[in-house]
Amino acid sequence: MAAAAEEASAGSPGEWEAPTRLLRALTWLGQEFMSDWEAQDLRAALFQLLLLWLVVSLLGIQVAWRVYGNTVTGLYYRQGPGGQNGGTPDGSSHFSMWGGTTNETMKTHRE
């Protein structure tokens, strides 16, 4: 991998300098991780356990979404003329203003 990066950097040195440094840093980080992995059995076991927990959790979320996804979507998105997320319908409402009657006069701040 490093040889391919050096060959690519031979064409134009300024253009490929940052990707080459990034590739070298990632290679070094991978080597350090592997040497630490081989030296620490407890860390490796904990990493594997946490990775397994993450995978099982994500699979559980995926299964639950497939089963209950339409129900959850139906709770939060209005279907029909109201639009999405409880939008106002195009037509006027059949309720009078603030639920009051038309015979009442509007009260002012002082009343």
PDB file of N, CA and C in Angstrom:
ATOM      1  N   MET A   1       0.814  -1.197   0.000  1.00  0.00           N
ATOM      2  CA  MET A   1       0.000   0.000   0.000  1.00  0.00           C
ATOM      3  C   MET A   1       0.858   1.263   0.000  1.00  0.00           C
ATOM      4  N   ALA A   2       1.898   1.254   0.812  1.00  0.00           N
ATOM      5  CA  ALA A   2       2.745   2.427   0.892  1.00  0.00           C
ATOM      6  C   ALA A   2       3.500   2.646  -0.413  1.00  0.00           C
ATOM      7  N   ALA A   3       3.854   1.551  -1.115  1.00  0.00           N
ATOM      8  CA  ALA A   3       4.557   1.680  -2.390  1.00  0.00           C
ATOM      9  C   ALA A   3       3.658   2.321  -3.438  1.00  0.00           C
ATOM     10  N   ALA A   4       2.375   1.946  -3.428  1.00  0.00           N
ATOM     11  CA  ALA A   4       1.433   2.544  -4.370  1.00  0.00           C
ATOM     12  C   ALA A   4       1.251   4.024  -4.089  1.00  0.00           C
ATOM     13  N   ALA A   5       1.252   4.389  -2.828  1.00  0.00           N
ATOM     14  CA  ALA A   5       1.103   5.800  -2.474  1.00  0.00           C
ATOM     15  C   ALA A   5       2.327   6.592  -2.897  1.00  0.00           C
ATOM     16  N   GLU A   6       3.533   5.986  -2.783  1.00  0.00           N
ATOM     17  CA  GLU A   6       4.744   6.688  -3.192  1.00  0.00           C
ATOM     18  C   GLU A   6       4.794   6.849  -4.708  1.00  0.00           C
ATOM     19  N   GLU A   7       4.311   5.833  -5.457  1.00  0.00           N
ATOM     20  CA  GLU A   7       4.277   5.947  -6.906  1.00  0.00           C
ATOM     21  C   GLU A   7       3.295   7.035  -7.339  1.00  0.00           C
ATOM     22  N   ALA A   8       2.186   7.133  -6.654  1.00  0.00           N
ATOM     23  CA  ALA A   8       1.194   8.158  -6.994  1.00  0.00           C
ATOM     24  C   ALA A   8       1.713   9.546  -6.680  1.00  0.00           C
ATOM     25  N   SER A   9       2.551   9.661  -5.649  1.00  0.00           N
ATOM     26  CA  SER A   9       3.062  10.975  -5.272  1.00  0.00           C
ATOM     27  C   SER A   9       4.197  11.433  -6.178  1.00  0.00           C
ATOM     28  N   ALA A  10       4.751  10.534  -6.986  1.00  0.00           N
ATOM     29  CA  ALA A  10       5.854  10.905  -7.868  1.00  0.00           C
ATOM     30  C   ALA A  10       5.399  11.827  -8.999  1.00  0.00           C
ATOM     31  N   GLY A  11       4.126  11.746  -9.418  1.00  0.00           N
ATOM     32  CA  GLY A  11       3.623  12.551 -10.531  1.00  0.00           C
ATOM     33  C   GLY A  11       3.624  14.030 -10.221  1.00  0.00           C
ATOM     34  N   SER A  12       2.919  14.447  -9.200  1.00  0.00           N
ATOM     35  CA  SER A  12       2.879  15.850  -8.795  1.00  0.00           C
ATOM     36  C   SER A  12       2.954  15.894  -7.273  1.00  0.00           C
ATOM     37  N   PRO A  13       4.076  16.345  -6.730  1.00  0.00           N
ATOM     38  CA  PRO A  13       4.304  16.239  -5.283  1.00  0.00           C
ATOM     39  C   PRO A  13       3.326  17.041  -4.430  1.00  0.00           C
ATOM     40  N   GLY A  14       2.903  18.194  -4.856  1.00  0.00           N
ATOM     41  CA  GLY A  14       2.016  19.009  -4.036  1.00  0.00           C
ATOM     42  C   GLY A  14       0.597  18.478  -3.971  1.00  0.00           C
ATOM     43  N   GLU A  15       0.162  17.847  -5.043  1.00  0.00           N
ATOM     44  CA  GLU A  15      -1.222  17.391  -5.145  1.00  0.00           C
ATOM     45  C   GLU A  15      -1.495  16.164  -4.279  1.00  0.00           C
ATOM     46  N   TRP A  16      -0.558  15.262  -4.177  1.00  0.00           N
ATOM     47  CA  TRP A  16      -0.778  13.991  -3.478  1.00  0.00           C
ATOM     48  C   TRP A  16      -0.150  13.960  -2.094  1.00  0.00           C
ATOM     49  N   GLU A  17       0.343  15.079  -1.605  1.00  0.00           N
ATOM     50  CA  GLU A  17       1.032  15.080  -0.315  1.00  0.00           C
ATOM     51  C   GLU A  17       0.089  14.773   0.850  1.00  0.00           C
ATOM     52  N   ALA A  18      -1.061  15.407   0.902  1.00  0.00           N
ATOM     53  CA  ALA A  18      -2.001  15.198   2.009  1.00  0.00           C
ATOM     54  C   ALA A  18      -2.584  13.777   2.014  1.00  0.00           C
ATOM     55  N   PRO A  19      -3.043  13.245   0.866  1.00  0.00           N
ATOM     56  CA  PRO A  19      -3.539  11.869   0.901  1.00  0.00           C
ATOM     57  C   PRO A  19      -2.465  10.852   1.270  1.00  0.00           C
ATOM     58  N   THR A  20      -1.224  11.098   0.857  1.00  0.00           N
ATOM     59  CA  THR A  20      -0.138  10.190   1.193  1.00  0.00           C
ATOM     60  C   THR A  20       0.118  10.212   2.696  1.00  0.00           C
ATOM     61  N   ARG A  21       0.125  11.385   3.287  1.00  0.00           N
ATOM     62  CA  ARG A  21       0.310  11.484   4.746  1.00  0.00           C
ATOM     63  C   ARG A  21      -0.830  10.785   5.485  1.00  0.00           C
ATOM     64  N   LEU A  22      -2.047  10.962   4.991  1.00  0.00           N
ATOM     65  CA  LEU A  22      -3.194  10.329   5.618  1.00  0.00           C
ATOM     66  C   LEU A  22      -3.090   8.815   5.529  1.00  0.00           C
ATOM     67  N   LEU A  23      -2.682   8.310   4.378  1.00  0.00           N
ATOM     68  CA  LEU A  23      -2.522   6.872   4.191  1.00  0.00           C
ATOM     69  C   LEU A  23      -1.442   6.322   5.106  1.00  0.00           C
ATOM     70  N   ARG A  24      -0.329   7.025   5.239  1.00  0.00           N
ATOM     71  CA  ARG A  24       0.743   6.593   6.144  1.00  0.00           C
ATOM     72  C   ARG A  24       0.280   6.604   7.599  1.00  0.00           C
ATOM     73  N   ALA A  25      -0.467   7.635   7.979  1.00  0.00           N
ATOM     74  CA  ALA A  25      -0.965   7.712   9.357  1.00  0.00           C
ATOM     75  C   ALA A  25      -1.943   6.585   9.650  1.00  0.00           C
ATOM     76  N   LEU A  26      -2.829   6.282   8.699  1.00  0.00           N
ATOM     77  CA  LEU A  26      -3.771   5.185   8.897  1.00  0.00           C
ATOM     78  C   LEU A  26      -3.058   3.838   8.949  1.00  0.00           C
ATOM     79  N   THR A  27      -2.039   3.662   8.127  1.00  0.00           N
ATOM     80  CA  THR A  27      -1.263   2.425   8.162  1.00  0.00           C
ATOM     81  C   THR A  27      -0.576   2.267   9.511  1.00  0.00           C
ATOM     82  N   TRP A  28       0.043   3.342  10.005  1.00  0.00           N
ATOM     83  CA  TRP A  28       0.702   3.293  11.303  1.00  0.00           C
ATOM     84  C   TRP A  28      -0.305   3.001  12.412  1.00  0.00           C
ATOM     85  N   LEU A  29      -1.470   3.641  12.350  1.00  0.00           N
ATOM     86  CA  LEU A  29      -2.496   3.423  13.360  1.00  0.00           C
ATOM     87  C   LEU A  29      -2.982   1.974  13.337  1.00  0.00           C
ATOM     88  N   GLY A  30      -3.150   1.407  12.148  1.00  0.00           N
ATOM     89  CA  GLY A  30      -3.559   0.010  12.037  1.00  0.00           C
ATOM     90  C   GLY A  30      -2.521  -0.933  12.601  1.00  0.00           C
ATOM     91  N   GLN A  31      -1.242  -0.652  12.349  1.00  0.00           N
ATOM     92  CA  GLN A  31      -0.176  -1.494  12.892  1.00  0.00           C
ATOM     93  C   GLN A  31      -0.132  -1.414  14.408  1.00  0.00           C
ATOM     94  N   GLU A  32      -0.282  -0.216  14.950  1.00  0.00           N
ATOM     95  CA  GLU A  32      -0.308  -0.050  16.408  1.00  0.00           C
ATOM     96  C   GLU A  32      -1.499  -0.780  17.024  1.00  0.00           C
ATOM     97  N   PHE A  33      -2.649  -0.677  16.365  1.00  0.00           N
ATOM     98  CA  PHE A  33      -3.847  -1.345  16.862  1.00  0.00           C
ATOM     99  C   PHE A  33      -3.652  -2.856  16.879  1.00  0.00           C
ATOM    100  N   MET A  34      -3.074  -3.412  15.812  1.00  0.00           N
ATOM    101  CA  MET A  34      -2.872  -4.857  15.740  1.00  0.00           C
ATOM    102  C   MET A  34      -1.859  -5.336  16.777  1.00  0.00           C
ATOM    103  N   SER A  35      -0.790  -4.584  16.988  1.00  0.00           N
ATOM    104  CA  SER A  35       0.193  -5.000  17.999  1.00  0.00           C
ATOM    105  C   SER A  35      -0.405  -4.919  19.398  1.00  0.00           C
ATOM    106  N   ASP A  36      -1.210  -3.885  19.656  1.00  0.00           N
ATOM    107  CA  ASP A  36      -1.874  -3.772  20.951  1.00  0.00           C
ATOM    108  C   ASP A  36      -2.927  -4.855  21.114  1.00  0.00           C
ATOM    109  N   TRP A  37      -3.615  -5.180  20.030  1.00  0.00           N
ATOM    110  CA  TRP A  37      -4.636  -6.224  20.053  1.00  0.00           C
ATOM    111  C   TRP A  37      -4.027  -7.569  20.435  1.00  0.00           C
ATOM    112  N   GLU A  38      -2.882  -7.895  19.853  1.00  0.00           N
ATOM    113  CA  GLU A  38      -2.235  -9.166  20.130  1.00  0.00           C
ATOM    114  C   GLU A  38      -1.688  -9.223  21.547  1.00  0.00           C
ATOM    115  N   ALA A  39      -1.318  -8.086  22.131  1.00  0.00           N
ATOM    116  CA  ALA A  39      -0.721  -8.061  23.470  1.00  0.00           C
ATOM    117  C   ALA A  39      -1.776  -8.085  24.579  1.00  0.00           C
ATOM    118  N   GLN A  40      -2.971  -7.598  24.328  1.00  0.00           N
ATOM    119  CA  GLN A  40      -3.974  -7.440  25.381  1.00  0.00           C
ATOM    120  C   GLN A  40      -5.185  -8.310  25.096  1.00  0.00           C
ATOM    121  N   ASP A  41      -5.256  -9.471  25.733  1.00  0.00           N
ATOM    122  CA  ASP A  41      -6.391 -10.370  25.525  1.00  0.00           C
ATOM    123  C   ASP A  41      -7.678  -9.807  26.110  1.00  0.00           C
ATOM    124  N   LEU A  42      -7.591  -9.124  27.255  1.00  0.00           N
ATOM    125  CA  LEU A  42      -8.782  -8.574  27.891  1.00  0.00           C
ATOM    126  C   LEU A  42      -9.393  -7.468  27.031  1.00  0.00           C
ATOM    127  N   ARG A  43      -8.561  -6.606  26.490  1.00  0.00           N
ATOM    128  CA  ARG A  43      -9.073  -5.550  25.614  1.00  0.00           C
ATOM    129  C   ARG A  43      -9.737  -6.137  24.377  1.00  0.00           C
ATOM    130  N   ALA A  44      -9.122  -7.155  23.822  1.00  0.00           N
ATOM    131  CA  ALA A  44      -9.693  -7.790  22.636  1.00  0.00           C
ATOM    132  C   ALA A  44     -11.051  -8.401  22.958  1.00  0.00           C
ATOM    133  N   ALA A  45     -11.163  -9.061  24.119  1.00  0.00           N
ATOM    134  CA  ALA A  45     -12.439  -9.672  24.506  1.00  0.00           C
ATOM    135  C   ALA A  45     -13.506  -8.604  24.737  1.00  0.00           C
ATOM    136  N   LEU A  46     -13.140  -7.507  25.395  1.00  0.00           N
ATOM    137  CA  LEU A  46     -14.104  -6.421  25.626  1.00  0.00           C
ATOM    138  C   LEU A  46     -14.524  -5.769  24.310  1.00  0.00           C
ATOM    139  N   PHE A  47     -13.578  -5.574  23.416  1.00  0.00           N
ATOM    140  CA  PHE A  47     -13.895  -4.999  22.114  1.00  0.00           C
ATOM    141  C   PHE A  47     -14.861  -5.893  21.347  1.00  0.00           C
ATOM    142  N   GLN A  48     -14.596  -7.182  21.357  1.00  0.00           N
ATOM    143  CA  GLN A  48     -15.473  -8.111  20.653  1.00  0.00           C
ATOM    144  C   GLN A  48     -16.865  -8.135  21.284  1.00  0.00           C
ATOM    145  N   LEU A  49     -16.924  -8.093  22.620  1.00  0.00           N
ATOM    146  CA  LEU A  49     -18.211  -8.087  23.308  1.00  0.00           C
ATOM    147  C   LEU A  49     -19.012  -6.832  22.980  1.00  0.00           C
ATOM    148  N   LEU A  50     -18.353  -5.680  23.013  1.00  0.00           N
ATOM    149  CA  LEU A  50     -19.051  -4.432  22.708  1.00  0.00           C
ATOM    150  C   LEU A  50     -19.445  -4.353  21.236  1.00  0.00           C
ATOM    151  N   LEU A  51     -18.615  -4.876  20.356  1.00  0.00           N
ATOM    152  CA  LEU A  51     -18.965  -4.906  18.945  1.00  0.00           C
ATOM    153  C   LEU A  51     -20.158  -5.819  18.693  1.00  0.00           C
ATOM    154  N   LEU A  52     -20.182  -6.962  19.368  1.00  0.00           N
ATOM    155  CA  LEU A  52     -21.320  -7.870  19.246  1.00  0.00           C
ATOM    156  C   LEU A  52     -22.593  -7.214  19.779  1.00  0.00           C
ATOM    157  N   TRP A  53     -22.491  -6.504  20.913  1.00  0.00           N
ATOM    158  CA  TRP A  53     -23.634  -5.807  21.488  1.00  0.00           C
ATOM    159  C   TRP A  53     -24.168  -4.757  20.510  1.00  0.00           C
ATOM    160  N   LEU A  54     -23.263  -4.016  19.868  1.00  0.00           N
ATOM    161  CA  LEU A  54     -23.674  -2.999  18.907  1.00  0.00           C
ATOM    162  C   LEU A  54     -24.393  -3.629  17.718  1.00  0.00           C
ATOM    163  N   VAL A  55     -23.856  -4.725  17.205  1.00  0.00           N
ATOM    164  CA  VAL A  55     -24.465  -5.376  16.049  1.00  0.00           C
ATOM    165  C   VAL A  55     -25.842  -5.929  16.407  1.00  0.00           C
ATOM    166  N   VAL A  56     -25.963  -6.574  17.568  1.00  0.00           N
ATOM    167  CA  VAL A  56     -27.261  -7.118  17.990  1.00  0.00           C
ATOM    168  C   VAL A  56     -28.267  -5.996  18.204  1.00  0.00           C
ATOM    169  N   SER A  57     -27.839  -4.885  18.780  1.00  0.00           N
ATOM    170  CA  SER A  57     -28.740  -3.747  18.991  1.00  0.00           C
ATOM    171  C   SER A  57     -29.222  -3.169  17.660  1.00  0.00           C
ATOM    172  N   LEU A  58     -28.312  -3.013  16.719  1.00  0.00           N
ATOM    173  CA  LEU A  58     -28.707  -2.483  15.418  1.00  0.00           C
ATOM    174  C   LEU A  58     -29.646  -3.437  14.688  1.00  0.00           C
ATOM    175  N   LEU A  59     -29.404  -4.727  14.809  1.00  0.00           N
ATOM    176  CA  LEU A  59     -30.317  -5.692  14.196  1.00  0.00           C
ATOM    177  C   LEU A  59     -31.693  -5.647  14.866  1.00  0.00           C
ATOM    178  N   GLY A  60     -31.723  -5.485  16.181  1.00  0.00           N
ATOM    179  CA  GLY A  60     -32.995  -5.363  16.895  1.00  0.00           C
ATOM    180  C   GLY A  60     -33.769  -4.126  16.476  1.00  0.00           C
ATOM    181  N   ILE A  61     -33.063  -3.019  16.299  1.00  0.00           N
ATOM    182  CA  ILE A  61     -33.714  -1.792  15.836  1.00  0.00           C
ATOM    183  C   ILE A  61     -34.267  -1.989  14.436  1.00  0.00           C
ATOM    184  N   GLN A  62     -33.509  -2.653  13.577  1.00  0.00           N
ATOM    185  CA  GLN A  62     -33.963  -2.895  12.208  1.00  0.00           C
ATOM    186  C   GLN A  62     -35.218  -3.765  12.197  1.00  0.00           C
ATOM    187  N   VAL A  63     -35.238  -4.822  13.000  1.00  0.00           N
ATOM    188  CA  VAL A  63     -36.409  -5.702  13.045  1.00  0.00           C
ATOM    189  C   VAL A  63     -37.611  -4.951  13.608  1.00  0.00           C
ATOM    190  N   ALA A  64     -37.397  -4.185  14.688  1.00  0.00           N
ATOM    191  CA  ALA A  64     -38.500  -3.434  15.285  1.00  0.00           C
ATOM    192  C   ALA A  64     -39.045  -2.391  14.308  1.00  0.00           C
ATOM    193  N   TRP A  65     -38.179  -1.759  13.538  1.00  0.00           N
ATOM    194  CA  TRP A  65     -38.649  -0.760  12.585  1.00  0.00           C
ATOM    195  C   TRP A  65     -39.457  -1.412  11.463  1.00  0.00           C
ATOM    196  N   ARG A  66     -39.029  -2.597  11.041  1.00  0.00           N
ATOM    197  CA  ARG A  66     -39.795  -3.293  10.003  1.00  0.00           C
ATOM    198  C   ARG A  66     -41.175  -3.688  10.515  1.00  0.00           C
ATOM    199  N   VAL A  67     -41.274  -4.069  11.793  1.00  0.00           N
ATOM    200  CA  VAL A  67     -42.551  -4.502  12.357  1.00  0.00           C
ATOM    201  C   VAL A  67     -43.437  -3.300  12.675  1.00  0.00           C
ATOM    202  N   TYR A  68     -42.887  -2.286  13.353  1.00  0.00           N
ATOM    203  CA  TYR A  68     -43.691  -1.178  13.859  1.00  0.00           C
ATOM    204  C   TYR A  68     -43.488   0.136  13.101  1.00  0.00           C
ATOM    205  N   GLY A  69     -42.717   0.144  12.039  1.00  0.00           N
ATOM    206  CA  GLY A  69     -42.397   1.392  11.342  1.00  0.00           C
ATOM    207  C   GLY A  69     -43.603   2.113  10.783  1.00  0.00           C
ATOM    208  N   ASN A  70     -44.514   1.368  10.168  1.00  0.00           N
ATOM    209  CA  ASN A  70     -45.704   2.021   9.599  1.00  0.00           C
ATOM    210  C   ASN A  70     -46.583   2.617  10.685  1.00  0.00           C
ATOM    211  N   THR A  71     -46.666   1.945  11.829  1.00  0.00           N
ATOM    212  CA  THR A  71     -47.467   2.470  12.938  1.00  0.00           C
ATOM    213  C   THR A  71     -46.873   3.770  13.464  1.00  0.00           C
ATOM    214  N   VAL A  72     -45.561   3.795  13.644  1.00  0.00           N
ATOM    215  CA  VAL A  72     -44.901   5.005  14.139  1.00  0.00           C
ATOM    216  C   VAL A  72     -45.028   6.143  13.128  1.00  0.00           C
ATOM    217  N   THR A  73     -44.847   5.838  11.870  1.00  0.00           N
ATOM    218  CA  THR A  73     -44.983   6.862  10.836  1.00  0.00           C
ATOM    219  C   THR A  73     -46.402   7.414  10.806  1.00  0.00           C
ATOM    220  N   GLY A  74     -47.392   6.540  10.983  1.00  0.00           N
ATOM    221  CA  GLY A  74     -48.777   6.983  10.996  1.00  0.00           C
ATOM    222  C   GLY A  74     -49.099   7.894  12.161  1.00  0.00           C
ATOM    223  N   LEU A  75     -48.390   7.744  13.281  1.00  0.00           N
ATOM    224  CA  LEU A  75     -48.629   8.606  14.432  1.00  0.00           C
ATOM    225  C   LEU A  75     -48.116  10.024  14.209  1.00  0.00           C
ATOM    226  N   TYR A  76     -47.054  10.175  13.434  1.00  0.00           N
ATOM    227  CA  TYR A  76     -46.420  11.476  13.310  1.00  0.00           C
ATOM    228  C   TYR A  76     -46.674  12.186  11.995  1.00  0.00           C
ATOM    229  N   TYR A  77     -47.184  11.504  11.006  1.00  0.00           N
ATOM    230  CA  TYR A  77     -47.461  12.142   9.725  1.00  0.00           C
ATOM    231  C   TYR A  77     -48.939  12.021   9.421  1.00  0.00           C
ATOM    232  N   ARG A  78     -49.593  13.152   9.238  1.00  0.00           N
ATOM    233  CA  ARG A  78     -51.016  13.172   8.939  1.00  0.00           C
ATOM    234  C   ARG A  78     -51.223  12.789   7.483  1.00  0.00           C
ATOM    235  N   GLN A  79     -52.136  11.888   7.263  1.00  0.00           N
ATOM    236  CA  GLN A  79     -52.463  11.471   5.910  1.00  0.00           C
ATOM    237  C   GLN A  79     -53.695  12.237   5.451  1.00  0.00           C
ATOM    238  N   GLY A  80     -53.705  12.710   4.251  1.00  0.00           N
ATOM    239  CA  GLY A  80     -54.877  13.385   3.729  1.00  0.00           C
ATOM    240  C   GLY A  80     -54.656  14.856   3.500  1.00  0.00           C
ATOM    241  N   PRO A  81     -55.753  15.677   3.568  1.00  0.00           N
ATOM    242  CA  PRO A  81     -55.658  17.076   3.177  1.00  0.00           C
ATOM    243  C   PRO A  81     -54.892  17.948   4.158  1.00  0.00           C
ATOM    244  N   GLY A  82     -54.618  17.448   5.347  1.00  0.00           N
ATOM    245  CA  GLY A  82     -53.947  18.269   6.348  1.00  0.00           C
ATOM    246  C   GLY A  82     -52.485  18.473   6.082  1.00  0.00           C
ATOM    247  N   GLY A  83     -51.909  17.700   5.225  1.00  0.00           N
ATOM    248  CA  GLY A  83     -50.492  17.851   4.938  1.00  0.00           C
ATOM    249  C   GLY A  83     -49.647  17.073   5.920  1.00  0.00           C
ATOM    250  N   GLN A  84     -48.388  17.367   5.913  1.00  0.00           N
ATOM    251  CA  GLN A  84     -47.425  16.647   6.736  1.00  0.00           C
ATOM    252  C   GLN A  84     -47.217  17.371   8.060  1.00  0.00           C
ATOM    253  N   ASN A  85     -47.036  16.606   9.119  1.00  0.00           N
ATOM    254  CA  ASN A  85     -46.755  17.127  10.467  1.00  0.00           C
ATOM    255  C   ASN A  85     -47.851  18.068  10.968  1.00  0.00           C
ATOM    256  N   GLY A  86     -49.084  17.723  10.747  1.00  0.00           N
ATOM    257  CA  GLY A  86     -50.171  18.509  11.307  1.00  0.00           C
ATOM    258  C   GLY A  86     -50.361  19.852  10.643  1.00  0.00           C
ATOM    259  N   GLY A  87     -50.165  19.932   9.361  1.00  0.00           N
ATOM    260  CA  GLY A  87     -50.341  21.196   8.645  1.00  0.00           C
ATOM    261  C   GLY A  87     -51.797  21.633   8.635  1.00  0.00           C
ATOM    262  N   THR A  88     -52.041  22.877   8.321  1.00  0.00           N
ATOM    263  CA  THR A  88     -53.393  23.417   8.283  1.00  0.00           C
ATOM    264  C   THR A  88     -54.075  22.991   6.992  1.00  0.00           C
ATOM    265  N   PRO A  89     -55.303  22.489   7.071  1.00  0.00           N
ATOM    266  CA  PRO A  89     -56.008  22.108   5.835  1.00  0.00           C
ATOM    267  C   PRO A  89     -56.314  23.318   4.973  1.00  0.00           C
ATOM    268  N   ASP A  90     -56.548  23.071   3.688  1.00  0.00           N
ATOM    269  CA  ASP A  90     -56.820  24.168   2.752  1.00  0.00           C
ATOM    270  C   ASP A  90     -58.165  24.830   3.016  1.00  0.00           C
ATOM    271  N   GLY A  91     -59.178  24.046   3.357  1.00  0.00           N
ATOM    272  CA  GLY A  91     -60.509  24.602   3.591  1.00  0.00           C
ATOM    273  C   GLY A  91     -60.617  25.245   4.963  1.00  0.00           C
ATOM    274  N   SER A  92     -61.681  26.028   5.157  1.00  0.00           N
ATOM    275  CA  SER A  92     -61.862  26.664   6.459  1.00  0.00           C
ATOM    276  C   SER A  92     -62.420  25.650   7.445  1.00  0.00           C
ATOM    277  N   SER A  93     -62.173  25.883   8.695  1.00  0.00           N
ATOM    278  CA  SER A  93     -62.605  24.983   9.750  1.00  0.00           C
ATOM    279  C   SER A  93     -64.087  25.187  10.046  1.00  0.00           C
ATOM    280  N   HIS A  94     -64.750  24.137  10.500  1.00  0.00           N
ATOM    281  CA  HIS A  94     -66.160  24.264  10.845  1.00  0.00           C
ATOM    282  C   HIS A  94     -66.353  24.792  12.261  1.00  0.00           C
ATOM    283  N   PHE A  95     -65.259  25.015  12.988  1.00  0.00           N
ATOM    284  CA  PHE A  95     -65.354  25.580  14.331  1.00  0.00           C
ATOM    285  C   PHE A  95     -65.370  27.092  14.231  1.00  0.00           C
ATOM    286  N   SER A  96     -66.114  27.724  15.118  1.00  0.00           N
ATOM    287  CA  SER A  96     -66.101  29.184  15.116  1.00  0.00           C
ATOM    288  C   SER A  96     -64.824  29.653  15.813  1.00  0.00           C
ATOM    289  N   MET A  97     -64.590  30.944  15.783  1.00  0.00           N
ATOM    290  CA  MET A  97     -63.354  31.498  16.315  1.00  0.00           C
ATOM    291  C   MET A  97     -63.228  31.219  17.802  1.00  0.00           C
ATOM    292  N   TRP A  98     -62.217  30.475  18.190  1.00  0.00           N
ATOM    293  CA  TRP A  98     -61.882  30.130  19.569  1.00  0.00           C
ATOM    294  C   TRP A  98     -63.035  29.442  20.289  1.00  0.00           C
ATOM    295  N   GLY A  99     -63.881  28.800  19.579  1.00  0.00           N
ATOM    296  CA  GLY A  99     -64.954  28.037  20.212  1.00  0.00           C
ATOM    297  C   GLY A  99     -66.052  28.886  20.823  1.00  0.00           C
ATOM    298  N   GLY A 100     -66.039  30.174  20.616  1.00  0.00           N
ATOM    299  CA  GLY A 100     -67.059  31.050  21.195  1.00  0.00           C
ATOM    300  C   GLY A 100     -68.253  31.188  20.260  1.00  0.00           C
ATOM    301  N   THR A 101     -69.269  31.874  20.719  1.00  0.00           N
ATOM    302  CA  THR A 101     -70.445  32.088  19.873  1.00  0.00           C
ATOM    303  C   THR A 101     -70.305  33.416  19.147  1.00  0.00           C
ATOM    304  N   THR A 102     -71.097  33.607  18.120  1.00  0.00           N
ATOM    305  CA  THR A 102     -71.011  34.834  17.335  1.00  0.00           C
ATOM    306  C   THR A 102     -71.719  35.996  18.024  1.00  0.00           C
ATOM    307  N   ASN A 103     -72.552  35.730  19.024  1.00  0.00           N
ATOM    308  CA  ASN A 103     -73.264  36.797  19.720  1.00  0.00           C
ATOM    309  C   ASN A 103     -72.383  37.509  20.734  1.00  0.00           C
ATOM    310  N   GLU A 104     -71.297  36.907  21.140  1.00  0.00           N
ATOM    311  CA  GLU A 104     -70.423  37.535  22.142  1.00  0.00           C
ATOM    312  C   GLU A 104     -69.564  38.596  21.471  1.00  0.00           C
ATOM    313  N   THR A 105     -69.348  39.677  22.201  1.00  0.00           N
ATOM    314  CA  THR A 105     -68.430  40.698  21.708  1.00  0.00           C
ATOM    315  C   THR A 105     -67.027  40.351  22.203  1.00  0.00           C
ATOM    316  N   MET A 106     -66.068  40.838  21.491  1.00  0.00           N
ATOM    317  CA  MET A 106     -64.684  40.569  21.890  1.00  0.00           C
ATOM    318  C   MET A 106     -64.362  41.365  23.138  1.00  0.00           C
ATOM    319  N   LYS A 107     -63.734  40.707  24.104  1.00  0.00           N
ATOM    320  CA  LYS A 107     -63.349  41.390  25.338  1.00  0.00           C
ATOM    321  C   LYS A 107     -62.027  42.114  25.122  1.00  0.00           C
ATOM    322  N   THR A 108     -61.898  43.255  25.803  1.00  0.00           N
ATOM    323  CA  THR A 108     -60.666  43.998  25.704  1.00  0.00           C
ATOM    324  C   THR A 108     -59.765  43.645  26.872  1.00  0.00           C
ATOM    325  N   HIS A 109     -58.613  44.191  26.893  1.00  0.00           N
ATOM    326  CA  HIS A 109     -57.634  43.913  27.935  1.00  0.00           C
ATOM    327  C   HIS A 109     -58.140  44.373  29.328  1.00  0.00           C
ATOM    328  N   ARG A 110     -58.887  45.439  29.379  1.00  0.00           N
ATOM    329  CA  ARG A 110     -59.312  46.002  30.662  1.00  0.00           C
ATOM    330  C   ARG A 110     -60.434  45.218  31.300  1.00  0.00           C
ATOM    331  N   GLU A 111     -61.173  44.451  30.541  1.00  0.00           N
ATOM    332  CA  GLU A 111     -62.290  43.704  31.112  1.00  0.00           C
ATOM    333  C   GLU A 111     -61.759  42.511  31.744  1.00  0.00           C
TER     334      GLU A 111
END
